[in-house]
Amino acid sequence: MRFRYKCEGRSAGSIPGERSTDTTKTHPTIKINGYTGPGTVRISLVTKDPPHRPHPHELVGKDCRDGFYEAELCPDRCIHSFQNLGIQCV
């Protein structure tokens, strides 16, 4: 996977899930424990090492704006998968 610059005008490609292989695609997924009801998830990129700081690259995709992903969560599901998220170099 190669991150793309905005000026390249090409798709950044989807971020693969933890168990993705060459033949099977998975997507990043979270599980919420101990809570049922409506909610919002907001995802951003941070640096790998503590103290974690905002990363200069941006998330891009359908529900992304200004480098953040934000979406309403279904109250009846505790597992949420995020498709079509990519990373773009700034």
C-alpha atoms as a PDB file:
ATOM      1  CA  MET A   1       0.000   0.000   0.000  1.00  0.00           C
ATOM      2  CA  ARG A   2       1.279   3.445  -0.895  1.00  0.00           C
ATOM      3  CA  PHE A   3      -0.167   6.644   0.528  1.00  0.00           C
ATOM      4  CA  ARG A   4      -1.083   9.198  -2.130  1.00  0.00           C
ATOM      5  CA  TYR A   5      -0.641  12.936  -2.311  1.00  0.00           C
ATOM      6  CA  LYS A   6      -3.761  14.986  -3.026  1.00  0.00           C
ATOM      7  CA  CYS A   7      -2.177  16.395  -6.207  1.00  0.00           C
ATOM      8  CA  GLU A   8      -1.866  12.859  -7.639  1.00  0.00           C
ATOM      9  CA  GLY A   9      -5.640  12.782  -8.010  1.00  0.00           C
ATOM     10  CA  ARG A  10      -5.778   9.045  -7.403  1.00  0.00           C
ATOM     11  CA  SER A  11      -7.567   7.097  -4.738  1.00  0.00           C
ATOM     12  CA  ALA A  12      -5.584   6.611  -1.556  1.00  0.00           C
ATOM     13  CA  GLY A  13      -6.708   2.957  -1.400  1.00  0.00           C
ATOM     14  CA  SER A  14      -8.528   1.421   1.537  1.00  0.00           C
ATOM     15  CA  ILE A  15      -6.821   0.754   4.856  1.00  0.00           C
ATOM     16  CA  PRO A  16      -6.725  -3.034   5.268  1.00  0.00           C
ATOM     17  CA  GLY A  17      -8.041  -4.733   8.375  1.00  0.00           C
ATOM     18  CA  GLU A  18      -5.760  -6.526  10.804  1.00  0.00           C
ATOM     19  CA  ARG A  19      -6.479  -9.958   9.286  1.00  0.00           C
ATOM     20  CA  SER A  20      -6.407  -8.982   5.596  1.00  0.00           C
ATOM     21  CA  THR A  21      -4.503 -11.270   3.234  1.00  0.00           C
ATOM     22  CA  ASP A  22      -3.794 -11.220  -0.490  1.00  0.00           C
ATOM     23  CA  THR A  23      -6.958 -13.270  -1.073  1.00  0.00           C
ATOM     24  CA  THR A  24      -9.265 -12.060   1.723  1.00  0.00           C
ATOM     25  CA  LYS A  25     -10.011  -8.426   2.501  1.00  0.00           C
ATOM     26  CA  THR A  26     -11.042  -7.281   5.953  1.00  0.00           C
ATOM     27  CA  HIS A  27     -11.666  -3.762   7.236  1.00  0.00           C
ATOM     28  CA  PRO A  28     -10.666  -1.909  10.409  1.00  0.00           C
ATOM     29  CA  THR A  29     -13.216  -2.841  13.076  1.00  0.00           C
ATOM     30  CA  ILE A  30     -14.049  -1.781  16.624  1.00  0.00           C
ATOM     31  CA  LYS A  31     -16.142  -3.461  19.305  1.00  0.00           C
ATOM     32  CA  ILE A  32     -17.936  -1.434  21.983  1.00  0.00           C
ATOM     33  CA  ASN A  33     -18.406  -3.215  25.316  1.00  0.00           C
ATOM     34  CA  GLY A  34     -20.633  -2.189  28.208  1.00  0.00           C
ATOM     35  CA  TYR A  35     -22.773   0.328  26.325  1.00  0.00           C
ATOM     36  CA  THR A  36     -25.901   0.108  24.190  1.00  0.00           C
ATOM     37  CA  GLY A  37     -27.526   3.098  22.600  1.00  0.00           C
ATOM     38  CA  PRO A  38     -26.809   5.783  20.049  1.00  0.00           C
ATOM     39  CA  GLY A  39     -23.333   7.170  19.659  1.00  0.00           C
ATOM     40  CA  THR A  40     -20.834   8.855  17.407  1.00  0.00           C
ATOM     41  CA  VAL A  41     -17.347   7.677  16.530  1.00  0.00           C
ATOM     42  CA  ARG A  42     -14.600  10.086  15.498  1.00  0.00           C
ATOM     43  CA  ILE A  43     -11.321   8.732  14.155  1.00  0.00           C
ATOM     44  CA  SER A  44      -8.121  10.613  13.415  1.00  0.00           C
ATOM     45  CA  LEU A  45      -4.495   9.723  12.781  1.00  0.00           C
ATOM     46  CA  VAL A  46      -1.940  10.076  15.563  1.00  0.00           C
ATOM     47  CA  THR A  47       1.769   9.353  15.814  1.00  0.00           C
ATOM     48  CA  LYS A  48       2.855   5.846  16.792  1.00  0.00           C
ATOM     49  CA  ASP A  49       4.926   6.615  19.889  1.00  0.00           C
ATOM     50  CA  PRO A  50       3.790   8.306  23.108  1.00  0.00           C
ATOM     51  CA  PRO A  51       3.045  11.036  23.683  1.00  0.00           C
ATOM     52  CA  HIS A  52       0.635  10.586  20.776  1.00  0.00           C
ATOM     53  CA  ARG A  53       0.280  13.713  18.665  1.00  0.00           C
ATOM     54  CA  PRO A  54      -1.865  14.517  15.621  1.00  0.00           C
ATOM     55  CA  HIS A  55      -0.300  12.986  12.500  1.00  0.00           C
ATOM     56  CA  PRO A  56       0.279  15.236   9.469  1.00  0.00           C
ATOM     57  CA  HIS A  57      -1.384  12.768   7.048  1.00  0.00           C
ATOM     58  CA  GLU A  58      -5.182  12.781   6.698  1.00  0.00           C
ATOM     59  CA  LEU A  59      -7.934  10.192   6.611  1.00  0.00           C
ATOM     60  CA  VAL A  60      -9.946  10.307   3.389  1.00  0.00           C
ATOM     61  CA  GLY A  61     -13.194   8.583   2.476  1.00  0.00           C
ATOM     62  CA  LYS A  62     -16.959   8.918   2.356  1.00  0.00           C
ATOM     63  CA  ASP A  63     -17.528  10.125   5.931  1.00  0.00           C
ATOM     64  CA  CYS A  64     -14.218  12.009   6.254  1.00  0.00           C
ATOM     65  CA  ARG A  65     -13.868  15.750   6.550  1.00  0.00           C
ATOM     66  CA  ASP A  66     -10.778  17.814   7.391  1.00  0.00           C
ATOM     67  CA  GLY A  67      -8.759  14.625   7.983  1.00  0.00           C
ATOM     68  CA  PHE A  68     -11.228  13.097  10.463  1.00  0.00           C
ATOM     69  CA  TYR A  69     -13.723  10.260  10.056  1.00  0.00           C
ATOM     70  CA  GLU A  70     -16.997  10.776  11.885  1.00  0.00           C
ATOM     71  CA  ALA A  71     -20.178   8.698  11.774  1.00  0.00           C
ATOM     72  CA  GLU A  72     -23.230   7.828  13.831  1.00  0.00           C
ATOM     73  CA  LEU A  73     -23.174   4.319  15.272  1.00  0.00           C
ATOM     74  CA  CYS A  74     -26.102   1.920  15.076  1.00  0.00           C
ATOM     75  CA  PRO A  75     -27.433   1.526  18.628  1.00  0.00           C
ATOM     76  CA  ASP A  76     -28.259  -2.173  18.179  1.00  0.00           C
ATOM     77  CA  ARG A  77     -24.760  -3.246  17.053  1.00  0.00           C
ATOM     78  CA  CYS A  78     -21.633  -3.480  19.208  1.00  0.00           C
ATOM     79  CA  ILE A  79     -19.240  -4.263  16.314  1.00  0.00           C
ATOM     80  CA  HIS A  80     -18.609  -1.564  13.709  1.00  0.00           C
ATOM     81  CA  SER A  81     -16.512  -1.950  10.551  1.00  0.00           C
ATOM     82  CA  PHE A  82     -15.033   0.965   8.618  1.00  0.00           C
ATOM     83  CA  GLN A  83     -14.824   0.483   4.855  1.00  0.00           C
ATOM     84  CA  ASN A  84     -13.328   2.839   2.296  1.00  0.00           C
ATOM     85  CA  LEU A  85     -10.989   4.666   4.682  1.00  0.00           C
ATOM     86  CA  GLY A  86      -7.708   5.776   3.153  1.00  0.00           C
ATOM     87  CA  ILE A  87      -4.673   7.790   4.189  1.00  0.00           C
ATOM     88  CA  GLN A  88      -3.513  10.756   2.136  1.00  0.00           C
ATOM     89  CA  CYS A  89      -0.168  12.524   2.459  1.00  0.00           C
ATOM     90  CA  VAL A  90      -0.444  16.238   3.096  1.00  0.00           C
END
